[in-house]
Amino acid sequence: MVALAVAAPEAVEGVRASIGAPFPMLADLDHRAAEMYGVYNLFGDGLAAPAVFVLKDGAIRWSHVGQDPADRPSVAEILAHLGP
């Protein structure tokens, strides 16, 4: 499991700590991944919406796209959707 943040590489650790993610986080500095998943500038604010995509065998098995920065599933909820 890995998370992405639309942030500079030097800011990623702070973002990871602020959401309590127990998994690695990588920088999506040019927001290419956020754009590919349709969550960059979703609300016309030039930011990536908080979103989680659980993939298996290259297909999205579960997703959550938040409506504001605080609208995020818990780490436990994300882990529950990983399955066996």
PDB file of N, CA and C in Angstrom:
ATOM      1  N   MET A   1       0.852  -1.165   0.000  1.00  0.00           N
ATOM      2  CA  MET A   1       0.000   0.000   0.000  1.00  0.00           C
ATOM      3  C   MET A   1       0.899   1.228   0.000  1.00  0.00           C
ATOM      4  N   VAL A   2       0.487   2.207  -0.759  1.00  0.00           N
ATOM      5  CA  VAL A   2       1.219   3.461  -0.845  1.00  0.00           C
ATOM      6  C   VAL A   2       0.216   4.588  -1.041  1.00  0.00           C
ATOM      7  N   ALA A   3       0.539   5.737  -0.519  1.00  0.00           N
ATOM      8  CA  ALA A   3      -0.308   6.912  -0.685  1.00  0.00           C
ATOM      9  C   ALA A   3       0.434   7.937  -1.519  1.00  0.00           C
ATOM     10  N   LEU A   4      -0.320   8.798  -2.168  1.00  0.00           N
ATOM     11  CA  LEU A   4       0.253   9.900  -2.946  1.00  0.00           C
ATOM     12  C   LEU A   4      -0.264  11.216  -2.393  1.00  0.00           C
ATOM     13  N   ALA A   5       0.588  12.199  -2.400  1.00  0.00           N
ATOM     14  CA  ALA A   5       0.181  13.550  -1.995  1.00  0.00           C
ATOM     15  C   ALA A   5       0.611  14.521  -3.078  1.00  0.00           C
ATOM     16  N   VAL A   6      -0.297  15.401  -3.477  1.00  0.00           N
ATOM     17  CA  VAL A   6       0.063  16.460  -4.413  1.00  0.00           C
ATOM     18  C   VAL A   6       0.775  17.515  -3.572  1.00  0.00           C
ATOM     19  N   ALA A   7       2.063  17.285  -3.417  1.00  0.00           N
ATOM     20  CA  ALA A   7       2.892  18.137  -2.556  1.00  0.00           C
ATOM     21  C   ALA A   7       4.341  17.967  -2.983  1.00  0.00           C
ATOM     22  N   ALA A   8       5.159  18.908  -2.563  1.00  0.00           N
ATOM     23  CA  ALA A   8       6.596  18.807  -2.819  1.00  0.00           C
ATOM     24  C   ALA A   8       7.159  17.630  -2.025  1.00  0.00           C
ATOM     25  N   PRO A   9       8.171  16.953  -2.557  1.00  0.00           N
ATOM     26  CA  PRO A   9       8.743  15.802  -1.861  1.00  0.00           C
ATOM     27  C   PRO A   9       9.114  16.102  -0.406  1.00  0.00           C
ATOM     28  N   GLU A  10       9.615  17.303  -0.139  1.00  0.00           N
ATOM     29  CA  GLU A  10      10.021  17.623   1.231  1.00  0.00           C
ATOM     30  C   GLU A  10       8.836  17.827   2.171  1.00  0.00           C
ATOM     31  N   ALA A  11       7.628  17.980   1.646  1.00  0.00           N
ATOM     32  CA  ALA A  11       6.433  18.169   2.470  1.00  0.00           C
ATOM     33  C   ALA A  11       5.662  16.882   2.715  1.00  0.00           C
ATOM     34  N   VAL A  12       5.997  15.835   1.989  1.00  0.00           N
ATOM     35  CA  VAL A  12       5.207  14.605   2.029  1.00  0.00           C
ATOM     36  C   VAL A  12       5.175  13.976   3.423  1.00  0.00           C
ATOM     37  N   GLU A  13       6.279  13.945   4.122  1.00  0.00           N
ATOM     38  CA  GLU A  13       6.289  13.315   5.444  1.00  0.00           C
ATOM     39  C   GLU A  13       5.346  14.036   6.395  1.00  0.00           C
ATOM     40  N   GLY A  14       5.283  15.341   6.331  1.00  0.00           N
ATOM     41  CA  GLY A  14       4.351  16.087   7.170  1.00  0.00           C
ATOM     42  C   GLY A  14       2.907  15.780   6.835  1.00  0.00           C
ATOM     43  N   VAL A  15       2.610  15.628   5.546  1.00  0.00           N
ATOM     44  CA  VAL A  15       1.256  15.264   5.127  1.00  0.00           C
ATOM     45  C   VAL A  15       0.917  13.874   5.652  1.00  0.00           C
ATOM     46  N   ARG A  16       1.849  12.942   5.506  1.00  0.00           N
ATOM     47  CA  ARG A  16       1.624  11.567   5.976  1.00  0.00           C
ATOM     48  C   ARG A  16       1.343  11.552   7.473  1.00  0.00           C
ATOM     49  N   ALA A  17       2.140  12.274   8.233  1.00  0.00           N
ATOM     50  CA  ALA A  17       1.959  12.320   9.683  1.00  0.00           C
ATOM     51  C   ALA A  17       0.630  12.981  10.054  1.00  0.00           C
ATOM     52  N   SER A  18       0.223  14.010   9.308  1.00  0.00           N
ATOM     53  CA  SER A  18      -1.006  14.735   9.654  1.00  0.00           C
ATOM     54  C   SER A  18      -2.254  13.883   9.468  1.00  0.00           C
ATOM     55  N   ILE A  19      -2.221  12.923   8.550  1.00  0.00           N
ATOM     56  CA  ILE A  19      -3.394  12.053   8.371  1.00  0.00           C
ATOM     57  C   ILE A  19      -3.239  10.727   9.096  1.00  0.00           C
ATOM     58  N   GLY A  20      -2.071  10.506   9.695  1.00  0.00           N
ATOM     59  CA  GLY A  20      -1.854   9.280  10.467  1.00  0.00           C
ATOM     60  C   GLY A  20      -1.680   8.039   9.625  1.00  0.00           C
ATOM     61  N   ALA A  21      -1.187   8.185   8.427  1.00  0.00           N
ATOM     62  CA  ALA A  21      -1.012   7.027   7.538  1.00  0.00           C
ATOM     63  C   ALA A  21       0.164   6.172   8.001  1.00  0.00           C
ATOM     64  N   PRO A  22      -0.073   4.884   8.239  1.00  0.00           N
ATOM     65  CA  PRO A  22       1.007   3.998   8.656  1.00  0.00           C
ATOM     66  C   PRO A  22       1.725   3.352   7.468  1.00  0.00           C
ATOM     67  N   PHE A  23       1.559   3.917   6.293  1.00  0.00           N
ATOM     68  CA  PHE A  23       2.158   3.370   5.089  1.00  0.00           C
ATOM     69  C   PHE A  23       2.936   4.474   4.389  1.00  0.00           C
ATOM     70  N   PRO A  24       3.810   4.121   3.454  1.00  0.00           N
ATOM     71  CA  PRO A  24       4.619   5.129   2.768  1.00  0.00           C
ATOM     72  C   PRO A  24       3.760   6.089   1.935  1.00  0.00           C
ATOM     73  N   MET A  25       4.274   7.293   1.771  1.00  0.00           N
ATOM     74  CA  MET A  25       3.598   8.290   0.950  1.00  0.00           C
ATOM     75  C   MET A  25       4.619   8.875  -0.023  1.00  0.00           C
ATOM     76  N   LEU A  26       4.194   9.023  -1.261  1.00  0.00           N
ATOM     77  CA  LEU A  26       5.043   9.566  -2.316  1.00  0.00           C
ATOM     78  C   LEU A  26       4.485  10.893  -2.809  1.00  0.00           C
ATOM     79  N   ALA A  27       5.342  11.700  -3.376  1.00  0.00           N
ATOM     80  CA  ALA A  27       4.933  12.995  -3.916  1.00  0.00           C
ATOM     81  C   ALA A  27       4.400  12.843  -5.337  1.00  0.00           C
ATOM     82  N   ASP A  28       3.274  13.469  -5.599  1.00  0.00           N
ATOM     83  CA  ASP A  28       2.690  13.570  -6.945  1.00  0.00           C
ATOM     84  C   ASP A  28       2.778  15.046  -7.333  1.00  0.00           C
ATOM     85  N   LEU A  29       4.021  15.528  -7.383  1.00  0.00           N
ATOM     86  CA  LEU A  29       4.289  16.957  -7.526  1.00  0.00           C
ATOM     87  C   LEU A  29       3.616  17.582  -8.744  1.00  0.00           C
ATOM     88  N   ASP A  30       3.608  16.885  -9.854  1.00  0.00           N
ATOM     89  CA  ASP A  30       2.989  17.445 -11.062  1.00  0.00           C
ATOM     90  C   ASP A  30       1.518  17.045 -11.196  1.00  0.00           C
ATOM     91  N   HIS A  31       0.952  16.460 -10.134  1.00  0.00           N
ATOM     92  CA  HIS A  31      -0.443  16.007 -10.018  1.00  0.00           C
ATOM     93  C   HIS A  31      -0.897  15.117 -11.168  1.00  0.00           C
ATOM     94  N   ARG A  32       0.036  14.423 -11.777  1.00  0.00           N
ATOM     95  CA  ARG A  32      -0.299  13.539 -12.892  1.00  0.00           C
ATOM     96  C   ARG A  32      -1.220  12.394 -12.448  1.00  0.00           C
ATOM     97  N   ALA A  33      -0.908  11.757 -11.323  1.00  0.00           N
ATOM     98  CA  ALA A  33      -1.754  10.652 -10.844  1.00  0.00           C
ATOM     99  C   ALA A  33      -3.130  11.181 -10.438  1.00  0.00           C
ATOM    100  N   ALA A  34      -3.162  12.323  -9.745  1.00  0.00           N
ATOM    101  CA  ALA A  34      -4.451  12.902  -9.342  1.00  0.00           C
ATOM    102  C   ALA A  34      -5.315  13.214 -10.561  1.00  0.00           C
ATOM    103  N   GLU A  35      -4.696  13.696 -11.616  1.00  0.00           N
ATOM    104  CA  GLU A  35      -5.450  13.962 -12.849  1.00  0.00           C
ATOM    105  C   GLU A  35      -5.945  12.673 -13.484  1.00  0.00           C
ATOM    106  N   MET A  36      -5.108  11.642 -13.509  1.00  0.00           N
ATOM    107  CA  MET A  36      -5.504  10.366 -14.111  1.00  0.00           C
ATOM    108  C   MET A  36      -6.720   9.759 -13.404  1.00  0.00           C
ATOM    109  N   TYR A  37      -6.810   9.976 -12.087  1.00  0.00           N
ATOM    110  CA  TYR A  37      -7.934   9.423 -11.328  1.00  0.00           C
ATOM    111  C   TYR A  37      -9.088  10.412 -11.202  1.00  0.00           C
ATOM    112  N   GLY A  38      -8.976  11.556 -11.857  1.00  0.00           N
ATOM    113  CA  GLY A  38     -10.079  12.499 -11.915  1.00  0.00           C
ATOM    114  C   GLY A  38     -10.353  13.256 -10.633  1.00  0.00           C
ATOM    115  N   VAL A  39      -9.356  13.398  -9.774  1.00  0.00           N
ATOM    116  CA  VAL A  39      -9.586  14.085  -8.505  1.00  0.00           C
ATOM    117  C   VAL A  39      -8.822  15.400  -8.387  1.00  0.00           C
ATOM    118  N   TYR A  40      -8.054  15.771  -9.410  1.00  0.00           N
ATOM    119  CA  TYR A  40      -7.347  17.050  -9.368  1.00  0.00           C
ATOM    120  C   TYR A  40      -8.269  18.152  -9.864  1.00  0.00           C
ATOM    121  N   ASN A  41      -8.390  19.208  -9.086  1.00  0.00           N
ATOM    122  CA  ASN A  41      -9.219  20.371  -9.412  1.00  0.00           C
ATOM    123  C   ASN A  41     -10.693  19.989  -9.577  1.00  0.00           C
ATOM    124  N   LEU A  42     -11.101  18.961  -8.903  1.00  0.00           N
ATOM    125  CA  LEU A  42     -12.476  18.467  -8.975  1.00  0.00           C
ATOM    126  C   LEU A  42     -13.485  19.537  -8.556  1.00  0.00           C
ATOM    127  N   PHE A  43     -13.088  20.370  -7.602  1.00  0.00           N
ATOM    128  CA  PHE A  43     -13.992  21.400  -7.086  1.00  0.00           C
ATOM    129  C   PHE A  43     -13.593  22.798  -7.543  1.00  0.00           C
ATOM    130  N   GLY A  44     -12.746  22.879  -8.583  1.00  0.00           N
ATOM    131  CA  GLY A  44     -12.339  24.155  -9.140  1.00  0.00           C
ATOM    132  C   GLY A  44     -11.416  24.963  -8.243  1.00  0.00           C
ATOM    133  N   ASP A  45     -10.716  24.275  -7.329  1.00  0.00           N
ATOM    134  CA  ASP A  45      -9.856  24.973  -6.383  1.00  0.00           C
ATOM    135  C   ASP A  45      -8.361  24.773  -6.639  1.00  0.00           C
ATOM    136  N   GLY A  46      -8.020  24.063  -7.720  1.00  0.00           N
ATOM    137  CA  GLY A  46      -6.611  23.827  -8.033  1.00  0.00           C
ATOM    138  C   GLY A  46      -5.929  22.851  -7.094  1.00  0.00           C
ATOM    139  N   LEU A  47      -6.721  22.083  -6.341  1.00  0.00           N
ATOM    140  CA  LEU A  47      -6.183  21.100  -5.399  1.00  0.00           C
ATOM    141  C   LEU A  47      -6.697  19.720  -5.759  1.00  0.00           C
ATOM    142  N   ALA A  48      -6.059  18.718  -5.209  1.00  0.00           N
ATOM    143  CA  ALA A  48      -6.565  17.354  -5.367  1.00  0.00           C
ATOM    144  C   ALA A  48      -7.555  17.078  -4.242  1.00  0.00           C
ATOM    145  N   ALA A  49      -8.715  16.549  -4.590  1.00  0.00           N
ATOM    146  CA  ALA A  49      -9.687  16.148  -3.571  1.00  0.00           C
ATOM    147  C   ALA A  49      -9.098  14.976  -2.797  1.00  0.00           C
ATOM    148  N   PRO A  50      -9.395  14.880  -1.499  1.00  0.00           N
ATOM    149  CA  PRO A  50      -8.919  13.710  -0.764  1.00  0.00           C
ATOM    150  C   PRO A  50      -9.608  12.467  -1.329  1.00  0.00           C
ATOM    151  N   ALA A  51      -8.830  11.521  -1.768  1.00  0.00           N
ATOM    152  CA  ALA A  51      -9.414  10.348  -2.413  1.00  0.00           C
ATOM    153  C   ALA A  51      -8.609   9.101  -2.082  1.00  0.00           C
ATOM    154  N   VAL A  52      -9.301   7.983  -2.057  1.00  0.00           N
ATOM    155  CA  VAL A  52      -8.671   6.685  -1.819  1.00  0.00           C
ATOM    156  C   VAL A  52      -9.162   5.742  -2.904  1.00  0.00           C
ATOM    157  N   PHE A  53      -8.242   5.037  -3.510  1.00  0.00           N
ATOM    158  CA  PHE A  53      -8.574   4.024  -4.502  1.00  0.00           C
ATOM    159  C   PHE A  53      -7.884   2.729  -4.095  1.00  0.00           C
ATOM    160  N   VAL A  54      -8.653   1.672  -3.933  1.00  0.00           N
ATOM    161  CA  VAL A  54      -8.096   0.355  -3.650  1.00  0.00           C
ATOM    162  C   VAL A  54      -8.117  -0.399  -4.968  1.00  0.00           C
ATOM    163  N   LEU A  55      -6.935  -0.778  -5.421  1.00  0.00           N
ATOM    164  CA  LEU A  55      -6.812  -1.495  -6.692  1.00  0.00           C
ATOM    165  C   LEU A  55      -6.380  -2.933  -6.462  1.00  0.00           C
ATOM    166  N   LYS A  56      -6.872  -3.803  -7.291  1.00  0.00           N
ATOM    167  CA  LYS A  56      -6.445  -5.198  -7.287  1.00  0.00           C
ATOM    168  C   LYS A  56      -6.401  -5.655  -8.726  1.00  0.00           C
ATOM    169  N   ASP A  57      -5.290  -6.209  -9.123  1.00  0.00           N
ATOM    170  CA  ASP A  57      -5.101  -6.675 -10.499  1.00  0.00           C
ATOM    171  C   ASP A  57      -5.386  -5.561 -11.510  1.00  0.00           C
ATOM    172  N   GLY A  58      -5.019  -4.327 -11.150  1.00  0.00           N
ATOM    173  CA  GLY A  58      -5.155  -3.197 -12.059  1.00  0.00           C
ATOM    174  C   GLY A  58      -6.537  -2.585 -12.149  1.00  0.00           C
ATOM    175  N   ALA A  59      -7.502  -3.112 -11.388  1.00  0.00           N
ATOM    176  CA  ALA A  59      -8.864  -2.577 -11.423  1.00  0.00           C
ATOM    177  C   ALA A  59      -9.205  -1.923 -10.085  1.00  0.00           C
ATOM    178  N   ILE A  60      -9.992  -0.862 -10.136  1.00  0.00           N
ATOM    179  CA  ILE A  60     -10.436  -0.211  -8.906  1.00  0.00           C
ATOM    180  C   ILE A  60     -11.498  -1.089  -8.261  1.00  0.00           C
ATOM    181  N   ARG A  61     -11.222  -1.520  -7.027  1.00  0.00           N
ATOM    182  CA  ARG A  61     -12.161  -2.374  -6.287  1.00  0.00           C
ATOM    183  C   ARG A  61     -13.012  -1.589  -5.296  1.00  0.00           C
ATOM    184  N   TRP A  62     -12.498  -0.453  -4.843  1.00  0.00           N
ATOM    185  CA  TRP A  62     -13.230   0.406  -3.916  1.00  0.00           C
ATOM    186  C   TRP A  62     -12.644   1.800  -4.013  1.00  0.00           C
ATOM    187  N   SER A  63     -13.478   2.814  -3.859  1.00  0.00           N
ATOM    188  CA  SER A  63     -12.958   4.174  -3.871  1.00  0.00           C
ATOM    189  C   SER A  63     -13.796   5.068  -2.964  1.00  0.00           C
ATOM    190  N   HIS A  64     -13.176   6.129  -2.529  1.00  0.00           N
ATOM    191  CA  HIS A  64     -13.841   7.171  -1.751  1.00  0.00           C
ATOM    192  C   HIS A  64     -13.244   8.490  -2.205  1.00  0.00           C
ATOM    193  N   VAL A  65     -14.080   9.409  -2.647  1.00  0.00           N
ATOM    194  CA  VAL A  65     -13.632  10.745  -3.021  1.00  0.00           C
ATOM    195  C   VAL A  65     -14.315  11.717  -2.072  1.00  0.00           C
ATOM    196  N   GLY A  66     -13.500  12.401  -1.275  1.00  0.00           N
ATOM    197  CA  GLY A  66     -14.025  13.321  -0.274  1.00  0.00           C
ATOM    198  C   GLY A  66     -14.564  14.599  -0.885  1.00  0.00           C
ATOM    199  N   GLN A  67     -15.490  15.206  -0.182  1.00  0.00           N
ATOM    200  CA  GLN A  67     -16.103  16.458  -0.634  1.00  0.00           C
ATOM    201  C   GLN A  67     -15.394  17.687  -0.081  1.00  0.00           C
ATOM    202  N   ASP A  68     -14.525  17.482   0.911  1.00  0.00           N
ATOM    203  CA  ASP A  68     -13.723  18.555   1.487  1.00  0.00           C
ATOM    204  C   ASP A  68     -12.500  17.917   2.139  1.00  0.00           C
ATOM    205  N   PRO A  69     -11.514  18.719   2.563  1.00  0.00           N
ATOM    206  CA  PRO A  69     -10.274  18.146   3.101  1.00  0.00           C
ATOM    207  C   PRO A  69     -10.456  17.215   4.301  1.00  0.00           C
ATOM    208  N   ALA A  70     -11.514  17.402   5.073  1.00  0.00           N
ATOM    209  CA  ALA A  70     -11.735  16.556   6.248  1.00  0.00           C
ATOM    210  C   ALA A  70     -12.503  15.274   5.921  1.00  0.00           C
ATOM    211  N   ASP A  71     -13.028  15.165   4.722  1.00  0.00           N
ATOM    212  CA  ASP A  71     -13.838  14.008   4.333  1.00  0.00           C
ATOM    213  C   ASP A  71     -12.926  12.897   3.827  1.00  0.00           C
ATOM    214  N   ARG A  72     -12.416  12.136   4.778  1.00  0.00           N
ATOM    215  CA  ARG A  72     -11.493  11.031   4.464  1.00  0.00           C
ATOM    216  C   ARG A  72     -11.932   9.796   5.235  1.00  0.00           C
ATOM    217  N   PRO A  73     -11.828   8.633   4.628  1.00  0.00           N
ATOM    218  CA  PRO A  73     -12.091   7.420   5.397  1.00  0.00           C
ATOM    219  C   PRO A  73     -10.949   7.206   6.390  1.00  0.00           C
ATOM    220  N   SER A  74     -11.240   6.507   7.461  1.00  0.00           N
ATOM    221  CA  SER A  74     -10.199   6.211   8.434  1.00  0.00           C
ATOM    222  C   SER A  74      -9.226   5.185   7.847  1.00  0.00           C
ATOM    223  N   VAL A  75      -8.052   5.118   8.428  1.00  0.00           N
ATOM    224  CA  VAL A  75      -7.078   4.120   7.990  1.00  0.00           C
ATOM    225  C   VAL A  75      -7.676   2.721   8.154  1.00  0.00           C
ATOM    226  N   ALA A  76      -8.401   2.493   9.251  1.00  0.00           N
ATOM    227  CA  ALA A  76      -9.024   1.181   9.484  1.00  0.00           C
ATOM    228  C   ALA A  76     -10.023   0.849   8.374  1.00  0.00           C
ATOM    229  N   GLU A  77     -10.807   1.838   7.941  1.00  0.00           N
ATOM    230  CA  GLU A  77     -11.763   1.594   6.851  1.00  0.00           C
ATOM    231  C   GLU A  77     -11.055   1.256   5.561  1.00  0.00           C
ATOM    232  N   ILE A  78      -9.987   1.959   5.271  1.00  0.00           N
ATOM    233  CA  ILE A  78      -9.212   1.677   4.057  1.00  0.00           C
ATOM    234  C   ILE A  78      -8.664   0.255   4.112  1.00  0.00           C
ATOM    235  N   LEU A  79      -8.057  -0.088   5.234  1.00  0.00           N
ATOM    236  CA  LEU A  79      -7.464  -1.422   5.377  1.00  0.00           C
ATOM    237  C   LEU A  79      -8.526  -2.518   5.273  1.00  0.00           C
ATOM    238  N   ALA A  80      -9.747  -2.242   5.756  1.00  0.00           N
ATOM    239  CA  ALA A  80     -10.818  -3.226   5.672  1.00  0.00           C
ATOM    240  C   ALA A  80     -11.204  -3.544   4.232  1.00  0.00           C
ATOM    241  N   HIS A  81     -10.999  -2.596   3.341  1.00  0.00           N
ATOM    242  CA  HIS A  81     -11.355  -2.791   1.933  1.00  0.00           C
ATOM    243  C   HIS A  81     -10.252  -3.466   1.128  1.00  0.00           C
ATOM    244  N   LEU A  82      -9.122  -3.736   1.754  1.00  0.00           N
ATOM    245  CA  LEU A  82      -8.042  -4.399   1.026  1.00  0.00           C
ATOM    246  C   LEU A  82      -8.350  -5.869   0.786  1.00  0.00           C
ATOM    247  N   GLY A  83      -9.116  -6.466   1.667  1.00  0.00           N
ATOM    248  CA  GLY A  83      -9.487  -7.863   1.494  1.00  0.00           C
ATOM    249  C   GLY A  83      -8.317  -8.799   1.741  1.00  0.00           C
ATOM    250  N   PRO A  84      -8.597 -10.091   1.548  1.00  0.00           N
ATOM    251  CA  PRO A  84      -7.556 -11.095   1.797  1.00  0.00           C
ATOM    252  C   PRO A  84      -6.467 -11.083   0.734  1.00  0.00           C
TER     253      PRO A  84
END
